[in-house]
Amino acid sequence: MFSRISLITLLCLSPWFARGDKCQTNQYINGCSIPLGIHLFFQDTFTPSCNRHDICYFCADHYGKTKEDCDSTFHTNMKSACNNVNKRFLLPAHYRCTAAAYTYFEAVSGFAGFAFEKPSPAWCAESWTKSCLFLS
């Protein structure tokens, strides 16, 4: 009886779990897109931050935020992600990660202005978008 209830509960909840984090899985994001498909250091570590940055570039105008707000939050989110990087041996990976975060930040600050959407598309009014903008 217990396993039958557990199976029914799992089946009922599976659509909820399958949806996932809309900030990470939707048609408007592309991770850390880098020209020519080059894979840079810590790209996988920064992908959740890059995805939120994509949403921010689309929806910031809708919420009264600027490109600079998005870029600053992007940098903060990446530095936060670096806190989970291996900190052994006098923190070399952590320092490399924070240096890479600064490089990504400088790149978007200086060269990604063309991607900032103004005005924001209509889908930015959907309830899930605000939670994607500024949380790490």
C-alpha atoms as a PDB file:
ATOM      1  CA  MET A   1       0.000   0.000   0.000  1.00  0.00           C
ATOM      2  CA  PHE A   2       2.790   2.453   0.910  1.00  0.00           C
ATOM      3  CA  SER A   3       4.611   1.992  -2.406  1.00  0.00           C
ATOM      4  CA  ARG A   4       1.352   2.443  -4.308  1.00  0.00           C
ATOM      5  CA  ILE A   5       0.657   5.770  -2.548  1.00  0.00           C
ATOM      6  CA  SER A   6       4.236   6.902  -3.134  1.00  0.00           C
ATOM      7  CA  LEU A   7       3.971   6.070  -6.820  1.00  0.00           C
ATOM      8  CA  ILE A   8       0.669   7.944  -7.153  1.00  0.00           C
ATOM      9  CA  THR A   9       2.123  10.941  -5.308  1.00  0.00           C
ATOM     10  CA  LEU A  10       5.186  10.913  -7.546  1.00  0.00           C
ATOM     11  CA  LEU A  11       3.063  10.755 -10.692  1.00  0.00           C
ATOM     12  CA  CYS A  12       0.891  13.627  -9.513  1.00  0.00           C
ATOM     13  CA  LEU A  13       3.870  15.814  -8.641  1.00  0.00           C
ATOM     14  CA  SER A  14       6.010  14.978 -11.686  1.00  0.00           C
ATOM     15  CA  PRO A  15       4.539  17.706 -13.933  1.00  0.00           C
ATOM     16  CA  TRP A  16       5.416  20.253 -11.247  1.00  0.00           C
ATOM     17  CA  PHE A  17       9.021  19.023 -11.069  1.00  0.00           C
ATOM     18  CA  ALA A  18       9.328  18.724 -14.849  1.00  0.00           C
ATOM     19  CA  ARG A  19       8.629  22.417 -15.361  1.00  0.00           C
ATOM     20  CA  GLY A  20      11.925  23.322 -13.751  1.00  0.00           C
ATOM     21  CA  ASP A  21      13.222  26.811 -13.202  1.00  0.00           C
ATOM     22  CA  LYS A  22      11.814  29.025 -15.960  1.00  0.00           C
ATOM     23  CA  CYS A  23      14.798  31.314 -15.457  1.00  0.00           C
ATOM     24  CA  GLN A  24      16.970  28.463 -16.680  1.00  0.00           C
ATOM     25  CA  THR A  25      14.775  26.671 -19.203  1.00  0.00           C
ATOM     26  CA  ASN A  26      12.856  28.755 -21.674  1.00  0.00           C
ATOM     27  CA  GLN A  27      13.098  29.839 -25.284  1.00  0.00           C
ATOM     28  CA  TYR A  28      14.493  33.304 -24.541  1.00  0.00           C
ATOM     29  CA  ILE A  29      17.806  32.336 -22.996  1.00  0.00           C
ATOM     30  CA  ASN A  30      20.956  30.872 -24.484  1.00  0.00           C
ATOM     31  CA  GLY A  31      23.378  30.567 -21.594  1.00  0.00           C
ATOM     32  CA  CYS A  32      26.749  32.215 -21.881  1.00  0.00           C
ATOM     33  CA  SER A  33      26.727  32.898 -25.587  1.00  0.00           C
ATOM     34  CA  ILE A  34      30.241  33.629 -26.730  1.00  0.00           C
ATOM     35  CA  PRO A  35      31.112  34.550 -30.317  1.00  0.00           C
ATOM     36  CA  LEU A  36      32.299  31.719 -32.547  1.00  0.00           C
ATOM     37  CA  GLY A  37      31.114  29.133 -30.010  1.00  0.00           C
ATOM     38  CA  ILE A  38      34.314  29.432 -27.988  1.00  0.00           C
ATOM     39  CA  HIS A  39      34.093  27.717 -24.591  1.00  0.00           C
ATOM     40  CA  LEU A  40      35.668  29.936 -21.916  1.00  0.00           C
ATOM     41  CA  PHE A  41      36.791  29.154 -18.405  1.00  0.00           C
ATOM     42  CA  PHE A  42      33.976  28.846 -15.849  1.00  0.00           C
ATOM     43  CA  GLN A  43      31.316  29.052 -18.556  1.00  0.00           C
ATOM     44  CA  ASP A  44      29.412  26.162 -16.981  1.00  0.00           C
ATOM     45  CA  THR A  45      29.701  27.763 -13.526  1.00  0.00           C
ATOM     46  CA  PHE A  46      28.295  31.011 -14.895  1.00  0.00           C
ATOM     47  CA  THR A  47      25.481  29.577 -17.051  1.00  0.00           C
ATOM     48  CA  PRO A  48      22.690  30.202 -14.474  1.00  0.00           C
ATOM     49  CA  SER A  49      23.916  33.806 -14.115  1.00  0.00           C
ATOM     50  CA  CYS A  50      24.084  34.185 -17.902  1.00  0.00           C
ATOM     51  CA  ASN A  51      20.539  32.866 -18.252  1.00  0.00           C
ATOM     52  CA  ARG A  52      19.202  35.363 -15.716  1.00  0.00           C
ATOM     53  CA  HIS A  53      21.166  38.100 -17.484  1.00  0.00           C
ATOM     54  CA  ASP A  54      19.436  37.164 -20.751  1.00  0.00           C
ATOM     55  CA  ILE A  55      16.029  37.515 -19.079  1.00  0.00           C
ATOM     56  CA  CYS A  56      17.117  40.807 -17.540  1.00  0.00           C
ATOM     57  CA  TYR A  57      18.157  42.222 -20.922  1.00  0.00           C
ATOM     58  CA  PHE A  58      14.734  41.362 -22.297  1.00  0.00           C
ATOM     59  CA  CYS A  59      12.619  42.473 -19.324  1.00  0.00           C
ATOM     60  CA  ALA A  60      14.502  45.224 -17.470  1.00  0.00           C
ATOM     61  CA  ASP A  61      12.659  48.043 -19.229  1.00  0.00           C
ATOM     62  CA  HIS A  62       9.314  46.520 -18.186  1.00  0.00           C
ATOM     63  CA  TYR A  63      10.414  46.676 -14.531  1.00  0.00           C
ATOM     64  CA  GLY A  64      12.073  50.099 -14.732  1.00  0.00           C
ATOM     65  CA  LYS A  65      15.613  48.735 -14.630  1.00  0.00           C
ATOM     66  CA  THR A  66      18.568  49.662 -16.835  1.00  0.00           C
ATOM     67  CA  LYS A  67      21.213  47.768 -18.751  1.00  0.00           C
ATOM     68  CA  GLU A  68      23.649  48.810 -16.024  1.00  0.00           C
ATOM     69  CA  ASP A  69      21.364  47.237 -13.394  1.00  0.00           C
ATOM     70  CA  CYS A  70      21.387  43.986 -15.365  1.00  0.00           C
ATOM     71  CA  ASP A  71      25.151  44.024 -15.842  1.00  0.00           C
ATOM     72  CA  SER A  72      25.853  44.811 -12.194  1.00  0.00           C
ATOM     73  CA  THR A  73      23.541  42.034 -11.005  1.00  0.00           C
ATOM     74  CA  PHE A  74      25.145  39.669 -13.524  1.00  0.00           C
ATOM     75  CA  HIS A  75      28.560  40.401 -11.995  1.00  0.00           C
ATOM     76  CA  THR A  76      27.230  39.908  -8.460  1.00  0.00           C
ATOM     77  CA  ASN A  77      25.584  36.602  -9.437  1.00  0.00           C
ATOM     78  CA  MET A  78      28.783  35.300 -11.050  1.00  0.00           C
ATOM     79  CA  LYS A  79      30.896  36.254  -8.019  1.00  0.00           C
ATOM     80  CA  SER A  80      28.356  34.430  -5.863  1.00  0.00           C
ATOM     81  CA  ALA A  81      28.696  31.361  -8.102  1.00  0.00           C
ATOM     82  CA  CYS A  82      32.463  31.541  -7.555  1.00  0.00           C
ATOM     83  CA  ASN A  83      31.868  30.974  -3.852  1.00  0.00           C
ATOM     84  CA  ASN A  84      30.996  27.380  -4.725  1.00  0.00           C
ATOM     85  CA  VAL A  85      34.235  26.786  -6.646  1.00  0.00           C
ATOM     86  CA  ASN A  86      36.919  24.662  -5.022  1.00  0.00           C
ATOM     87  CA  LYS A  87      38.667  26.806  -2.391  1.00  0.00           C
ATOM     88  CA  ARG A  88      41.576  24.503  -1.571  1.00  0.00           C
ATOM     89  CA  PHE A  89      45.236  25.377  -2.041  1.00  0.00           C
ATOM     90  CA  LEU A  90      45.114  29.055  -1.104  1.00  0.00           C
ATOM     91  CA  LEU A  91      41.985  29.676  -3.187  1.00  0.00           C
ATOM     92  CA  PRO A  92      43.521  29.679  -6.697  1.00  0.00           C
ATOM     93  CA  ALA A  93      40.382  28.400  -8.468  1.00  0.00           C
ATOM     94  CA  HIS A  94      38.233  30.894  -6.583  1.00  0.00           C
ATOM     95  CA  TYR A  95      40.505  33.765  -7.629  1.00  0.00           C
ATOM     96  CA  ARG A  96      40.537  32.602 -11.243  1.00  0.00           C
ATOM     97  CA  CYS A  97      36.753  32.363 -11.123  1.00  0.00           C
ATOM     98  CA  THR A  98      36.292  35.898  -9.789  1.00  0.00           C
ATOM     99  CA  ALA A  99      38.757  37.172 -12.410  1.00  0.00           C
ATOM    100  CA  ALA A 100      36.747  35.391 -15.097  1.00  0.00           C
ATOM    101  CA  ALA A 101      33.544  36.903 -13.675  1.00  0.00           C
ATOM    102  CA  TYR A 102      35.057  40.353 -14.065  1.00  0.00           C
ATOM    103  CA  THR A 103      36.044  39.549 -17.661  1.00  0.00           C
ATOM    104  CA  TYR A 104      32.504  38.404 -18.510  1.00  0.00           C
ATOM    105  CA  PHE A 105      31.113  41.521 -16.804  1.00  0.00           C
ATOM    106  CA  GLU A 106      33.430  43.821 -18.766  1.00  0.00           C
ATOM    107  CA  ALA A 107      32.519  42.057 -22.011  1.00  0.00           C
ATOM    108  CA  VAL A 108      28.761  42.520 -21.572  1.00  0.00           C
ATOM    109  CA  SER A 109      29.164  46.040 -20.202  1.00  0.00           C
ATOM    110  CA  GLY A 110      31.192  47.118 -23.188  1.00  0.00           C
ATOM    111  CA  PHE A 111      29.907  45.060 -26.086  1.00  0.00           C
ATOM    112  CA  ALA A 112      26.407  43.673 -25.429  1.00  0.00           C
ATOM    113  CA  GLY A 113      24.358  46.866 -25.542  1.00  0.00           C
ATOM    114  CA  PHE A 114      22.812  45.875 -28.869  1.00  0.00           C
ATOM    115  CA  ALA A 115      21.087  42.946 -27.126  1.00  0.00           C
ATOM    116  CA  PHE A 116      19.281  45.089 -24.539  1.00  0.00           C
ATOM    117  CA  GLU A 117      15.566  45.089 -25.439  1.00  0.00           C
ATOM    118  CA  LYS A 118      13.727  48.372 -25.246  1.00  0.00           C
ATOM    119  CA  PRO A 119      10.786  48.281 -25.018  1.00  0.00           C
ATOM    120  CA  SER A 120      10.490  44.907 -23.350  1.00  0.00           C
ATOM    121  CA  PRO A 121       8.501  42.203 -25.172  1.00  0.00           C
ATOM    122  CA  ALA A 122       4.977  41.423 -23.951  1.00  0.00           C
ATOM    123  CA  TRP A 123       6.004  38.113 -22.326  1.00  0.00           C
ATOM    124  CA  CYS A 124       7.966  40.087 -19.703  1.00  0.00           C
ATOM    125  CA  ALA A 125       4.626  40.752 -17.976  1.00  0.00           C
ATOM    126  CA  GLU A 126       4.332  37.014 -17.196  1.00  0.00           C
ATOM    127  CA  SER A 127       4.529  36.354 -13.464  1.00  0.00           C
ATOM    128  CA  TRP A 128       7.719  34.278 -13.540  1.00  0.00           C
ATOM    129  CA  THR A 129       9.944  36.941 -15.125  1.00  0.00           C
ATOM    130  CA  LYS A 130      10.400  39.281 -12.170  1.00  0.00           C
ATOM    131  CA  SER A 131      11.882  36.544 -10.020  1.00  0.00           C
ATOM    132  CA  CYS A 132      14.502  35.936 -12.715  1.00  0.00           C
ATOM    133  CA  LEU A 133      15.815  39.463 -12.877  1.00  0.00           C
ATOM    134  CA  PHE A 134      17.752  40.088  -9.719  1.00  0.00           C
ATOM    135  CA  LEU A 135      18.039  36.893  -7.701  1.00  0.00           C
ATOM    136  CA  SER A 136      21.200  34.858  -7.825  1.00  0.00           C
END
